[in-house]
Amino acid sequence: MKVPDLGVTRPPLMRMRRAICDFLTAYLEGARYLDLFSGTGSYLFEVVSRGAAKGVGVELEPKLAEAIHT
C-alpha cells in the first residue's frame, strides 16, 4: 500500500506493531477493532490479518482515508 507523505503521520515501526499485536493475539479472534486516527491504517490491517472479525478505521485527513480505503 502506498500512503501519501503529508508530513502528518509517522508510521509505527514494524517491530512495535508486531509486538503489540503479538500481545493482543489471544483477544483478536472474532473481535471488532476500532482504529481512531488511523493514519496509515497499519494497525487496522495488522489486527484484521490476525483474526479480528471486523475492523473500522476513522481518519479525518481525506488523502490518508482514501489511501486506507483503496
C-alpha atoms as a PDB file:
ATOM      1  CA  MET A   1       0.000   0.000   0.000  1.00  0.00           C
ATOM      2  CA  LYS A   2       1.377   3.407  -0.953  1.00  0.00           C
ATOM      3  CA  VAL A   3       0.493   6.132   1.531  1.00  0.00           C
ATOM      4  CA  PRO A   4       0.766   9.806   0.646  1.00  0.00           C
ATOM      5  CA  ASP A   5       3.508  11.627   2.530  1.00  0.00           C
ATOM      6  CA  LEU A   6       1.705  14.585   4.081  1.00  0.00           C
ATOM      7  CA  GLY A   7       4.146  15.086   6.912  1.00  0.00           C
ATOM      8  CA  VAL A   8       1.355  14.498   9.445  1.00  0.00           C
ATOM      9  CA  THR A   9       1.836  10.786  10.157  1.00  0.00           C
ATOM     10  CA  ARG A  10       4.701   8.698  11.398  1.00  0.00           C
ATOM     11  CA  PRO A  11       4.107   5.047  10.553  1.00  0.00           C
ATOM     12  CA  PRO A  12       4.910   2.859  13.555  1.00  0.00           C
ATOM     13  CA  LEU A  13       7.947   0.653  13.447  1.00  0.00           C
ATOM     14  CA  MET A  14       7.076  -2.795  12.183  1.00  0.00           C
ATOM     15  CA  ARG A  15       8.584  -4.459  15.251  1.00  0.00           C
ATOM     16  CA  MET A  16       6.485  -2.265  17.559  1.00  0.00           C
ATOM     17  CA  ARG A  17       3.277  -3.062  15.671  1.00  0.00           C
ATOM     18  CA  ARG A  18       4.113  -6.779  15.736  1.00  0.00           C
ATOM     19  CA  ALA A  19       4.903  -6.709  19.465  1.00  0.00           C
ATOM     20  CA  ILE A  20       1.606  -5.037  20.303  1.00  0.00           C
ATOM     21  CA  CYS A  21      -0.371  -7.396  18.093  1.00  0.00           C
ATOM     22  CA  ASP A  22       1.508 -10.429  19.441  1.00  0.00           C
ATOM     23  CA  PHE A  23       0.377  -9.394  22.922  1.00  0.00           C
ATOM     24  CA  LEU A  24      -3.228  -8.989  21.739  1.00  0.00           C
ATOM     25  CA  THR A  25      -3.395 -12.137  19.607  1.00  0.00           C
ATOM     26  CA  ALA A  26      -5.333 -14.117  22.216  1.00  0.00           C
ATOM     27  CA  TYR A  27      -8.078 -11.473  22.119  1.00  0.00           C
ATOM     28  CA  LEU A  28      -8.271 -10.840  18.374  1.00  0.00           C
ATOM     29  CA  GLU A  29     -10.079 -13.916  17.058  1.00  0.00           C
ATOM     30  CA  GLY A  30     -13.567 -12.730  16.134  1.00  0.00           C
ATOM     31  CA  ALA A  31     -13.042  -9.320  17.764  1.00  0.00           C
ATOM     32  CA  ARG A  32     -14.211  -5.979  16.446  1.00  0.00           C
ATOM     33  CA  TYR A  33     -11.496  -3.335  16.189  1.00  0.00           C
ATOM     34  CA  LEU A  34     -11.955   0.434  16.075  1.00  0.00           C
ATOM     35  CA  ASP A  35      -8.934   2.457  14.980  1.00  0.00           C
ATOM     36  CA  LEU A  36      -9.462   6.154  15.647  1.00  0.00           C
ATOM     37  CA  PHE A  37      -6.977   8.468  13.930  1.00  0.00           C
ATOM     38  CA  SER A  38      -5.949   5.577  11.681  1.00  0.00           C
ATOM     39  CA  GLY A  39      -3.213   7.445   9.859  1.00  0.00           C
ATOM     40  CA  THR A  40      -1.719   4.861   7.518  1.00  0.00           C
ATOM     41  CA  GLY A  41      -4.051   2.092   8.698  1.00  0.00           C
ATOM     42  CA  SER A  42      -1.156  -0.217   9.570  1.00  0.00           C
ATOM     43  CA  TYR A  43      -2.611  -1.359  12.911  1.00  0.00           C
ATOM     44  CA  LEU A  44      -6.021  -1.828  11.336  1.00  0.00           C
ATOM     45  CA  PHE A  45      -4.653  -4.113   8.632  1.00  0.00           C
ATOM     46  CA  GLU A  46      -2.478  -5.993  11.122  1.00  0.00           C
ATOM     47  CA  VAL A  47      -5.290  -6.917  13.534  1.00  0.00           C
ATOM     48  CA  VAL A  48      -7.654  -7.912  10.733  1.00  0.00           C
ATOM     49  CA  SER A  49      -4.958 -10.114   9.229  1.00  0.00           C
ATOM     50  CA  ARG A  50      -4.562 -11.754  12.650  1.00  0.00           C
ATOM     51  CA  GLY A  51      -8.192 -12.750  13.014  1.00  0.00           C
ATOM     52  CA  ALA A  52     -10.286  -9.759  14.016  1.00  0.00           C
ATOM     53  CA  ALA A  53     -13.761 -10.240  12.563  1.00  0.00           C
ATOM     54  CA  LYS A  54     -14.193  -6.597  11.655  1.00  0.00           C
ATOM     55  CA  GLY A  55     -12.027  -3.506  11.621  1.00  0.00           C
ATOM     56  CA  VAL A  56     -13.144   0.093  11.241  1.00  0.00           C
ATOM     57  CA  GLY A  57     -10.705   2.928  10.742  1.00  0.00           C
ATOM     58  CA  VAL A  58     -11.515   6.594  11.230  1.00  0.00           C
ATOM     59  CA  GLU A  59      -9.227   9.163   9.651  1.00  0.00           C
ATOM     60  CA  LEU A  60     -10.033  12.840   9.083  1.00  0.00           C
ATOM     61  CA  GLU A  61      -7.278  13.560   6.543  1.00  0.00           C
ATOM     62  CA  PRO A  62      -9.028  12.865   3.199  1.00  0.00           C
ATOM     63  CA  LYS A  63      -5.901  11.707   1.332  1.00  0.00           C
ATOM     64  CA  LEU A  64      -4.987   9.228   4.059  1.00  0.00           C
ATOM     65  CA  ALA A  65      -8.567   7.958   4.340  1.00  0.00           C
ATOM     66  CA  GLU A  66      -8.629   7.406   0.598  1.00  0.00           C
ATOM     67  CA  ALA A  67      -5.318   5.524   0.704  1.00  0.00           C
ATOM     68  CA  ILE A  68      -6.614   3.267   3.501  1.00  0.00           C
ATOM     69  CA  HIS A  69      -9.855   2.604   1.645  1.00  0.00           C
ATOM     70  CA  THR A  70      -8.209   1.542  -1.624  1.00  0.00           C
END
